[in-house]
PDB file of N, CA and C in Angstrom:
ATOM      1  N   UNK A   1      13.383   1.967  -5.335  1.00  0.00           N
ATOM      2  CA  UNK A   1      11.557   2.774  -4.464  1.00  0.00           C
ATOM      3  C   UNK A   1      11.643   2.156  -3.386  1.00  0.00           C
ATOM      4  N   UNK A   2      11.566   2.761  -2.451  1.00  0.00           N
ATOM      5  CA  UNK A   2      12.125   2.647  -1.361  1.00  0.00           C
ATOM      6  C   UNK A   2      10.211   3.827  -0.179  1.00  0.00           C
ATOM      7  N   UNK A   3       9.788   2.790   0.842  1.00  0.00           N
ATOM      8  CA  UNK A   3       8.622   3.344   1.479  1.00  0.00           C
ATOM      9  C   UNK A   3       8.409   4.514   2.009  1.00  0.00           C
ATOM     10  N   UNK A   4       9.807   5.483   1.603  1.00  0.00           N
ATOM     11  CA  UNK A   4       9.938   7.059   2.236  1.00  0.00           C
ATOM     12  C   UNK A   4       9.425   7.806   0.386  1.00  0.00           C
ATOM     13  N   UNK A   5      10.031   6.895  -0.311  1.00  0.00           N
ATOM     14  CA  UNK A   5       9.932   7.117  -1.621  1.00  0.00           C
ATOM     15  C   UNK A   5       8.592   7.256  -2.023  1.00  0.00           C
ATOM     16  N   UNK A   6       7.890   5.880  -2.072  1.00  0.00           N
ATOM     17  CA  UNK A   6       6.507   5.661  -2.494  1.00  0.00           C
ATOM     18  C   UNK A   6       5.460   6.827  -1.852  1.00  0.00           C
ATOM     19  N   UNK A   7       5.248   7.098  -0.867  1.00  0.00           N
ATOM     20  CA  UNK A   7       4.809   7.861   0.537  1.00  0.00           C
ATOM     21  C   UNK A   7       4.357   8.864  -0.316  1.00  0.00           C
ATOM     22  N   UNK A   8       5.714   9.715  -0.505  1.00  0.00           N
ATOM     23  CA  UNK A   8       5.810  11.349  -1.466  1.00  0.00           C
ATOM     24  C   UNK A   8       4.866  10.660  -2.263  1.00  0.00           C
ATOM     25  N   UNK A   9       5.307   9.925  -3.500  1.00  0.00           N
ATOM     26  CA  UNK A   9       4.447   9.426  -4.369  1.00  0.00           C
ATOM     27  C   UNK A   9       2.777   9.057  -4.238  1.00  0.00           C
ATOM     28  N   UNK A  10       2.705   8.515  -3.261  1.00  0.00           N
ATOM     29  CA  UNK A  10       1.337   8.220  -2.973  1.00  0.00           C
ATOM     30  C   UNK A  10       0.846   9.826  -2.799  1.00  0.00           C
ATOM     31  N   UNK A  11       1.437  10.782  -1.957  1.00  0.00           N
ATOM     32  CA  UNK A  11       1.010  12.494  -1.520  1.00  0.00           C
ATOM     33  C   UNK A  11       0.375  13.199  -2.645  1.00  0.00           C
ATOM     34  N   UNK A  12       1.282  13.029  -3.527  1.00  0.00           N
ATOM     35  CA  UNK A  12       1.558  13.500  -5.145  1.00  0.00           C
ATOM     36  C   UNK A  12      -0.222  13.019  -6.027  1.00  0.00           C
ATOM     37  N   UNK A  13       0.125  11.944  -5.838  1.00  0.00           N
ATOM     38  CA  UNK A  13      -1.012  11.232  -6.348  1.00  0.00           C
ATOM     39  C   UNK A  13      -2.236  10.970  -5.454  1.00  0.00           C
ATOM     40  N   UNK A  14      -2.422  12.082  -4.435  1.00  0.00           N
ATOM     41  CA  UNK A  14      -3.377  12.204  -4.320  1.00  0.00           C
ATOM     42  C   UNK A  14      -4.324  10.858  -3.111  1.00  0.00           C
ATOM     43  N   UNK A  15      -3.854  10.279  -3.169  1.00  0.00           N
ATOM     44  CA  UNK A  15      -4.145   8.873  -2.611  1.00  0.00           C
ATOM     45  C   UNK A  15      -4.679   9.054  -1.412  1.00  0.00           C
ATOM     46  N   UNK A  16      -5.650   8.680  -1.071  1.00  0.00           N
ATOM     47  CA  UNK A  16      -6.784   9.329   0.641  1.00  0.00           C
ATOM     48  C   UNK A  16      -5.717   8.307   1.544  1.00  0.00           C
ATOM     49  N   UNK A  17      -5.438   8.511   2.205  1.00  0.00           N
ATOM     50  CA  UNK A  17      -3.941   8.136   3.613  1.00  0.00           C
ATOM     51  C   UNK A  17      -4.596   6.889   4.286  1.00  0.00           C
ATOM     52  N   UNK A  18      -5.841   7.055   5.027  1.00  0.00           N
ATOM     53  CA  UNK A  18      -6.394   5.288   5.409  1.00  0.00           C
ATOM     54  C   UNK A  18      -6.775   4.630   4.507  1.00  0.00           C
ATOM     55  N   UNK A  19      -6.197   4.790   3.025  1.00  0.00           N
ATOM     56  CA  UNK A  19      -6.508   3.642   2.365  1.00  0.00           C
ATOM     57  C   UNK A  19      -5.711   2.478   2.373  1.00  0.00           C
ATOM     58  N   UNK A  20      -4.269   3.125   2.948  1.00  0.00           N
ATOM     59  CA  UNK A  20      -3.478   1.891   2.524  1.00  0.00           C
ATOM     60  C   UNK A  20      -1.876   2.323   4.194  1.00  0.00           C
ATOM     61  N   UNK A  21      -1.723   1.589   4.347  1.00  0.00           N
ATOM     62  CA  UNK A  21      -0.614   1.420   4.976  1.00  0.00           C
ATOM     63  C   UNK A  21       1.004   0.383   4.481  1.00  0.00           C
ATOM     64  N   UNK A  22       2.437   1.339   4.942  1.00  0.00           N
ATOM     65  CA  UNK A  22       3.309   1.374   4.083  1.00  0.00           C
ATOM     66  C   UNK A  22       4.180   0.858   5.203  1.00  0.00           C
ATOM     67  N   UNK A  23       3.777   0.591   7.203  1.00  0.00           N
ATOM     68  CA  UNK A  23       4.523  -0.535   8.421  1.00  0.00           C
ATOM     69  C   UNK A  23       3.622  -0.473   8.612  1.00  0.00           C
ATOM     70  N   UNK A  24       3.279  -2.063   7.538  1.00  0.00           N
ATOM     71  CA  UNK A  24       2.388  -3.361   8.251  1.00  0.00           C
ATOM     72  C   UNK A  24       1.141  -2.750   8.508  1.00  0.00           C
ATOM     73  N   UNK A  25       0.299  -3.352   9.274  1.00  0.00           N
ATOM     74  CA  UNK A  25      -1.122  -3.460   9.540  1.00  0.00           C
ATOM     75  C   UNK A  25      -0.669  -2.672  10.871  1.00  0.00           C
ATOM     76  N   UNK A  26      -1.808  -1.234  10.549  1.00  0.00           N
ATOM     77  CA  UNK A  26      -1.788   0.015  11.291  1.00  0.00           C
ATOM     78  C   UNK A  26      -3.271   0.549  11.090  1.00  0.00           C
ATOM     79  N   UNK A  27      -3.793   0.482  12.150  1.00  0.00           N
ATOM     80  CA  UNK A  27      -5.526   0.805  11.971  1.00  0.00           C
ATOM     81  C   UNK A  27      -6.359   0.106  11.747  1.00  0.00           C
ATOM     82  N   UNK A  28      -7.055   0.516  11.056  1.00  0.00           N
ATOM     83  CA  UNK A  28      -8.660  -0.242  10.612  1.00  0.00           C
ATOM     84  C   UNK A  28      -8.620  -1.136   9.755  1.00  0.00           C
ATOM     85  N   UNK A  29      -9.385  -2.122   9.341  1.00  0.00           N
ATOM     86  CA  UNK A  29      -9.717  -3.364   7.954  1.00  0.00           C
ATOM     87  C   UNK A  29      -9.455  -2.441   6.759  1.00  0.00           C
ATOM     88  N   UNK A  30      -9.559  -2.920   5.734  1.00  0.00           N
ATOM     89  CA  UNK A  30      -9.698  -2.068   4.811  1.00  0.00           C
ATOM     90  C   UNK A  30      -8.796  -1.659   4.319  1.00  0.00           C
ATOM     91  N   UNK A  31      -7.978  -1.971   4.023  1.00  0.00           N
ATOM     92  CA  UNK A  31      -6.558  -0.977   3.073  1.00  0.00           C
ATOM     93  C   UNK A  31      -6.137  -1.996   2.672  1.00  0.00           C
ATOM     94  N   UNK A  32      -5.058  -1.564   1.893  1.00  0.00           N
ATOM     95  CA  UNK A  32      -3.510  -2.380   1.330  1.00  0.00           C
ATOM     96  C   UNK A  32      -2.803  -2.146   2.125  1.00  0.00           C
ATOM     97  N   UNK A  33      -1.699  -2.880   2.211  1.00  0.00           N
ATOM     98  CA  UNK A  33      -0.745  -3.008   3.254  1.00  0.00           C
ATOM     99  C   UNK A  33       0.343  -3.794   2.244  1.00  0.00           C
ATOM    100  N   UNK A  34       1.304  -3.117   2.987  1.00  0.00           N
ATOM    101  CA  UNK A  34       3.005  -2.899   2.496  1.00  0.00           C
ATOM    102  C   UNK A  34       3.991  -3.248   3.582  1.00  0.00           C
ATOM    103  N   UNK A  35       4.520  -4.008   4.394  1.00  0.00           N
ATOM    104  CA  UNK A  35       4.641  -5.168   5.186  1.00  0.00           C
ATOM    105  C   UNK A  35       5.729  -5.836   4.903  1.00  0.00           C
ATOM    106  N   UNK A  36       6.680  -5.869   6.037  1.00  0.00           N
ATOM    107  CA  UNK A  36       8.286  -6.201   6.061  1.00  0.00           C
ATOM    108  C   UNK A  36       8.690  -7.463   6.950  1.00  0.00           C
ATOM    109  N   UNK A  37       8.048  -8.444   6.790  1.00  0.00           N
ATOM    110  CA  UNK A  37       8.600 -10.433   6.956  1.00  0.00           C
ATOM    111  C   UNK A  37       9.574  -9.640   7.502  1.00  0.00           C
ATOM    112  N   UNK A  38       9.877 -11.394   7.804  1.00  0.00           N
ATOM    113  CA  UNK A  38      11.065 -12.034   8.135  1.00  0.00           C
ATOM    114  C   UNK A  38      12.342 -11.639   7.392  1.00  0.00           C
ATOM    115  N   UNK A  39      12.319 -12.004   6.340  1.00  0.00           N
ATOM    116  CA  UNK A  39      13.240 -11.703   5.218  1.00  0.00           C
ATOM    117  C   UNK A  39      12.198 -11.438   4.183  1.00  0.00           C
ATOM    118  N   UNK A  40      11.283 -11.621   3.810  1.00  0.00           N
ATOM    119  CA  UNK A  40      10.356 -11.452   2.168  1.00  0.00           C
ATOM    120  C   UNK A  40       9.688  -9.615   2.760  1.00  0.00           C
ATOM    121  N   UNK A  41       9.400  -8.609   2.059  1.00  0.00           N
ATOM    122  CA  UNK A  41       7.736  -7.892   2.406  1.00  0.00           C
ATOM    123  C   UNK A  41       7.003  -8.502   1.340  1.00  0.00           C
ATOM    124  N   UNK A  42       5.993  -8.096   2.075  1.00  0.00           N
ATOM    125  CA  UNK A  42       4.474  -8.172   1.506  1.00  0.00           C
ATOM    126  C   UNK A  42       3.684  -7.407   1.194  1.00  0.00           C
ATOM    127  N   UNK A  43       2.637  -7.500   0.161  1.00  0.00           N
ATOM    128  CA  UNK A  43       1.549  -6.482  -0.565  1.00  0.00           C
ATOM    129  C   UNK A  43       0.236  -7.365  -0.636  1.00  0.00           C
ATOM    130  N   UNK A  44      -0.444  -6.448   0.139  1.00  0.00           N
ATOM    131  CA  UNK A  44      -2.128  -7.169   0.690  1.00  0.00           C
ATOM    132  C   UNK A  44      -2.554  -6.565   0.881  1.00  0.00           C
ATOM    133  N   UNK A  45      -4.359  -6.891   0.750  1.00  0.00           N
ATOM    134  CA  UNK A  45      -5.224  -6.406   1.596  1.00  0.00           C
ATOM    135  C   UNK A  45      -5.588  -6.551   1.869  1.00  0.00           C
ATOM    136  N   UNK A  46      -6.302  -5.946   3.515  1.00  0.00           N
ATOM    137  CA  UNK A  46      -6.770  -6.807   4.542  1.00  0.00           C
ATOM    138  C   UNK A  46      -7.870  -6.222   5.015  1.00  0.00           C
ATOM    139  N   UNK A  47      -8.806  -7.815   5.166  1.00  0.00           N
ATOM    140  CA  UNK A  47     -10.013  -6.865   5.501  1.00  0.00           C
ATOM    141  C   UNK A  47     -10.690  -8.207   6.205  1.00  0.00           C
ATOM    142  N   UNK A  48     -11.088  -7.651   6.651  1.00  0.00           N
ATOM    143  CA  UNK A  48     -12.265  -8.962   7.735  1.00  0.00           C
ATOM    144  C   UNK A  48     -11.177  -9.716   8.618  1.00  0.00           C
ATOM    145  N   UNK A  49      -9.793  -9.316   8.553  1.00  0.00           N
ATOM    146  CA  UNK A  49      -8.805 -10.096   9.455  1.00  0.00           C
ATOM    147  C   UNK A  49      -8.575 -10.637   9.222  1.00  0.00           C
ATOM    148  N   UNK A  50      -8.462 -11.054   7.549  1.00  0.00           N
ATOM    149  CA  UNK A  50      -7.628 -11.165   6.727  1.00  0.00           C
ATOM    150  C   UNK A  50      -6.743 -10.796   5.248  1.00  0.00           C
ATOM    151  N   UNK A  51      -5.560 -11.462   5.154  1.00  0.00           N
ATOM    152  CA  UNK A  51      -4.930 -10.611   4.171  1.00  0.00           C
ATOM    153  C   UNK A  51      -5.699 -11.554   2.627  1.00  0.00           C
ATOM    154  N   UNK A  52      -5.307 -10.565   2.266  1.00  0.00           N
ATOM    155  CA  UNK A  52      -6.705 -10.804   0.731  1.00  0.00           C
ATOM    156  C   UNK A  52      -5.641 -10.120  -0.796  1.00  0.00           C
ATOM    157  N   UNK A  53      -5.423 -11.628  -2.061  1.00  0.00           N
ATOM    158  CA  UNK A  53      -4.153 -11.376  -2.682  1.00  0.00           C
ATOM    159  C   UNK A  53      -2.835 -10.732  -2.147  1.00  0.00           C
ATOM    160  N   UNK A  54      -2.761 -11.792  -1.528  1.00  0.00           N
ATOM    161  CA  UNK A  54      -1.198 -11.556  -0.517  1.00  0.00           C
ATOM    162  C   UNK A  54       0.120 -11.588  -1.889  1.00  0.00           C
ATOM    163  N   UNK A  55       0.863 -10.601  -2.260  1.00  0.00           N
ATOM    164  CA  UNK A  55       1.822 -10.919  -2.853  1.00  0.00           C
ATOM    165  C   UNK A  55       3.184 -10.665  -2.224  1.00  0.00           C
ATOM    166  N   UNK A  56       4.217 -12.044  -2.599  1.00  0.00           N
ATOM    167  CA  UNK A  56       5.434 -11.762  -1.737  1.00  0.00           C
ATOM    168  C   UNK A  56       6.633 -11.337  -2.710  1.00  0.00           C
ATOM    169  N   UNK A  57       7.257 -10.539  -2.215  1.00  0.00           N
ATOM    170  CA  UNK A  57       8.701 -10.526  -2.610  1.00  0.00           C
ATOM    171  C   UNK A  57      10.229 -10.461  -2.884  1.00  0.00           C
ATOM    172  N   UNK A  58      10.893 -10.254  -3.232  1.00  0.00           N
ATOM    173  CA  UNK A  58      12.397 -10.711  -2.404  1.00  0.00           C
ATOM    174  C   UNK A  58      13.018  -8.886  -1.336  1.00  0.00           C
ATOM    175  N   UNK A  59      12.715  -8.425  -2.757  1.00  0.00           N
ATOM    176  CA  UNK A  59      13.382  -6.901  -2.011  1.00  0.00           C
ATOM    177  C   UNK A  59      11.691  -5.870  -1.787  1.00  0.00           C
ATOM    178  N   UNK A  60      12.164  -4.509  -1.375  1.00  0.00           N
ATOM    179  CA  UNK A  60      11.947  -2.787  -0.792  1.00  0.00           C
ATOM    180  C   UNK A  60      11.133  -2.660  -2.211  1.00  0.00           C
ATOM    181  N   UNK A  61      12.070  -2.345  -3.409  1.00  0.00           N
ATOM    182  CA  UNK A  61      11.671  -1.876  -4.666  1.00  0.00           C
ATOM    183  C   UNK A  61      11.043  -2.579  -4.661  1.00  0.00           C
ATOM    184  N   UNK A  62      10.650  -3.524  -5.223  1.00  0.00           N
ATOM    185  CA  UNK A  62      10.101  -4.609  -5.945  1.00  0.00           C
ATOM    186  C   UNK A  62       8.107  -4.649  -5.819  1.00  0.00           C
ATOM    187  N   UNK A  63       8.160  -4.781  -4.251  1.00  0.00           N
ATOM    188  CA  UNK A  63       7.280  -4.236  -3.026  1.00  0.00           C
ATOM    189  C   UNK A  63       6.592  -3.060  -3.012  1.00  0.00           C
ATOM    190  N   UNK A  64       7.445  -2.501  -3.148  1.00  0.00           N
ATOM    191  CA  UNK A  64       7.559  -0.984  -4.198  1.00  0.00           C
ATOM    192  C   UNK A  64       6.554  -0.460  -4.937  1.00  0.00           C
ATOM    193  N   UNK A  65       6.943  -1.059  -6.193  1.00  0.00           N
ATOM    194  CA  UNK A  65       6.574  -0.960  -7.543  1.00  0.00           C
ATOM    195  C   UNK A  65       4.920  -1.172  -7.449  1.00  0.00           C
ATOM    196  N   UNK A  66       4.969  -2.617  -6.506  1.00  0.00           N
ATOM    197  CA  UNK A  66       3.800  -3.848  -7.116  1.00  0.00           C
ATOM    198  C   UNK A  66       2.756  -3.017  -6.322  1.00  0.00           C
ATOM    199  N   UNK A  67       3.094  -2.064  -4.994  1.00  0.00           N
ATOM    200  CA  UNK A  67       2.280  -1.600  -4.407  1.00  0.00           C
ATOM    201  C   UNK A  67       1.954  -0.155  -4.600  1.00  0.00           C
ATOM    202  N   UNK A  68       2.454   0.122  -5.559  1.00  0.00           N
ATOM    203  CA  UNK A  68       2.055   1.178  -5.979  1.00  0.00           C
ATOM    204  C   UNK A  68       1.488   1.637  -7.548  1.00  0.00           C
ATOM    205  N   UNK A  69       1.199   0.306  -8.403  1.00  0.00           N
ATOM    206  CA  UNK A  69       0.693  -0.016  -9.114  1.00  0.00           C
ATOM    207  C   UNK A  69      -0.876  -0.874  -8.708  1.00  0.00           C
ATOM    208  N   UNK A  70      -1.088  -1.013  -8.390  1.00  0.00           N
ATOM    209  CA  UNK A  70      -1.924  -1.632  -7.375  1.00  0.00           C
ATOM    210  C   UNK A  70      -2.739  -1.161  -7.060  1.00  0.00           C
ATOM    211  N   UNK A  71      -2.593  -0.013  -6.404  1.00  0.00           N
ATOM    212  CA  UNK A  71      -3.401   1.222  -5.602  1.00  0.00           C
ATOM    213  C   UNK A  71      -3.110   2.226  -6.527  1.00  0.00           C
ATOM    214  N   UNK A  72      -2.971   2.307  -7.720  1.00  0.00           N
ATOM    215  CA  UNK A  72      -3.384   3.766  -8.317  1.00  0.00           C
ATOM    216  C   UNK A  72      -4.318   2.940  -9.558  1.00  0.00           C
ATOM    217  N   UNK A  73      -4.791   1.882  -9.289  1.00  0.00           N
ATOM    218  CA  UNK A  73      -5.761   1.482 -10.599  1.00  0.00           C
ATOM    219  C   UNK A  73      -7.198   1.583  -9.785  1.00  0.00           C
ATOM    220  N   UNK A  74      -7.412   1.903  -8.703  1.00  0.00           N
ATOM    221  CA  UNK A  74      -8.352   2.450  -7.578  1.00  0.00           C
ATOM    222  C   UNK A  74      -8.693   3.546  -8.194  1.00  0.00           C
ATOM    223  N   UNK A  75      -8.684   4.601  -9.301  1.00  0.00           N
ATOM    224  CA  UNK A  75      -9.389   6.161  -8.801  1.00  0.00           C
ATOM    225  C   UNK A  75     -10.350   6.223  -7.397  1.00  0.00           C
ATOM    226  N   UNK A  76     -11.000   5.692  -7.649  1.00  0.00           N
ATOM    227  CA  UNK A  76     -12.081   6.047  -6.121  1.00  0.00           C
ATOM    228  C   UNK A  76     -11.148   6.071  -5.105  1.00  0.00           C
ATOM    229  N   UNK A  77      -9.279   5.539  -4.885  1.00  0.00           N
ATOM    230  CA  UNK A  77      -8.788   5.688  -3.349  1.00  0.00           C
ATOM    231  C   UNK A  77      -8.228   7.632  -3.233  1.00  0.00           C
ATOM    232  N   UNK A  78      -8.376   8.388  -4.699  1.00  0.00           N
ATOM    233  CA  UNK A  78      -8.337   9.093  -4.765  1.00  0.00           C
ATOM    234  C   UNK A  78      -8.488  10.480  -4.441  1.00  0.00           C
ATOM    235  N   UNK A  79      -8.482  11.471  -3.548  1.00  0.00           N
ATOM    236  CA  UNK A  79      -9.150  12.648  -3.205  1.00  0.00           C
ATOM    237  C   UNK A  79      -9.689  13.988  -4.298  1.00  0.00           C
ATOM    238  N   UNK A  80     -10.783  14.348  -3.924  1.00  0.00           N
ATOM    239  CA  UNK A  80     -10.744  14.958  -5.151  1.00  0.00           C
ATOM    240  C   UNK A  80     -10.560  16.213  -4.744  1.00  0.00           C
ATOM    241  N   UNK A  81     -10.430  16.881  -6.281  1.00  0.00           N
ATOM    242  CA  UNK A  81      -9.605  18.359  -6.415  1.00  0.00           C
ATOM    243  C   UNK A  81     -10.239  19.353  -5.475  1.00  0.00           C
ATOM    244  N   UNK A  82     -11.368  19.075  -5.319  1.00  0.00           N
ATOM    245  CA  UNK A  82     -11.558  20.286  -4.596  1.00  0.00           C
ATOM    246  C   UNK A  82     -12.090  19.763  -2.397  1.00  0.00           C
ATOM    247  N   UNK A  83     -11.002  18.684  -2.239  1.00  0.00           N
ATOM    248  CA  UNK A  83     -10.649  18.017  -0.917  1.00  0.00           C
ATOM    249  C   UNK A  83      -9.966  19.253  -0.495  1.00  0.00           C
TER     250      UNK A  83
END
């Protein structure tokens, strides 16, 4: 899986867009981040200027799968059907 495919899945799942960034730290705190480092992929929660629960991966596929599994565990990040 790549970031584009992940983005499509997140949209279909109804995950609120302000809850994450798939292209590094963009925007405010309090979001799950997928970032391409110099030679690794990172997934972390960014809060109060710090990387929380940082996970590092060799491949984009591994990072995207971890990101998806992690964010889908937070049902409060999904839009309600009426929105």
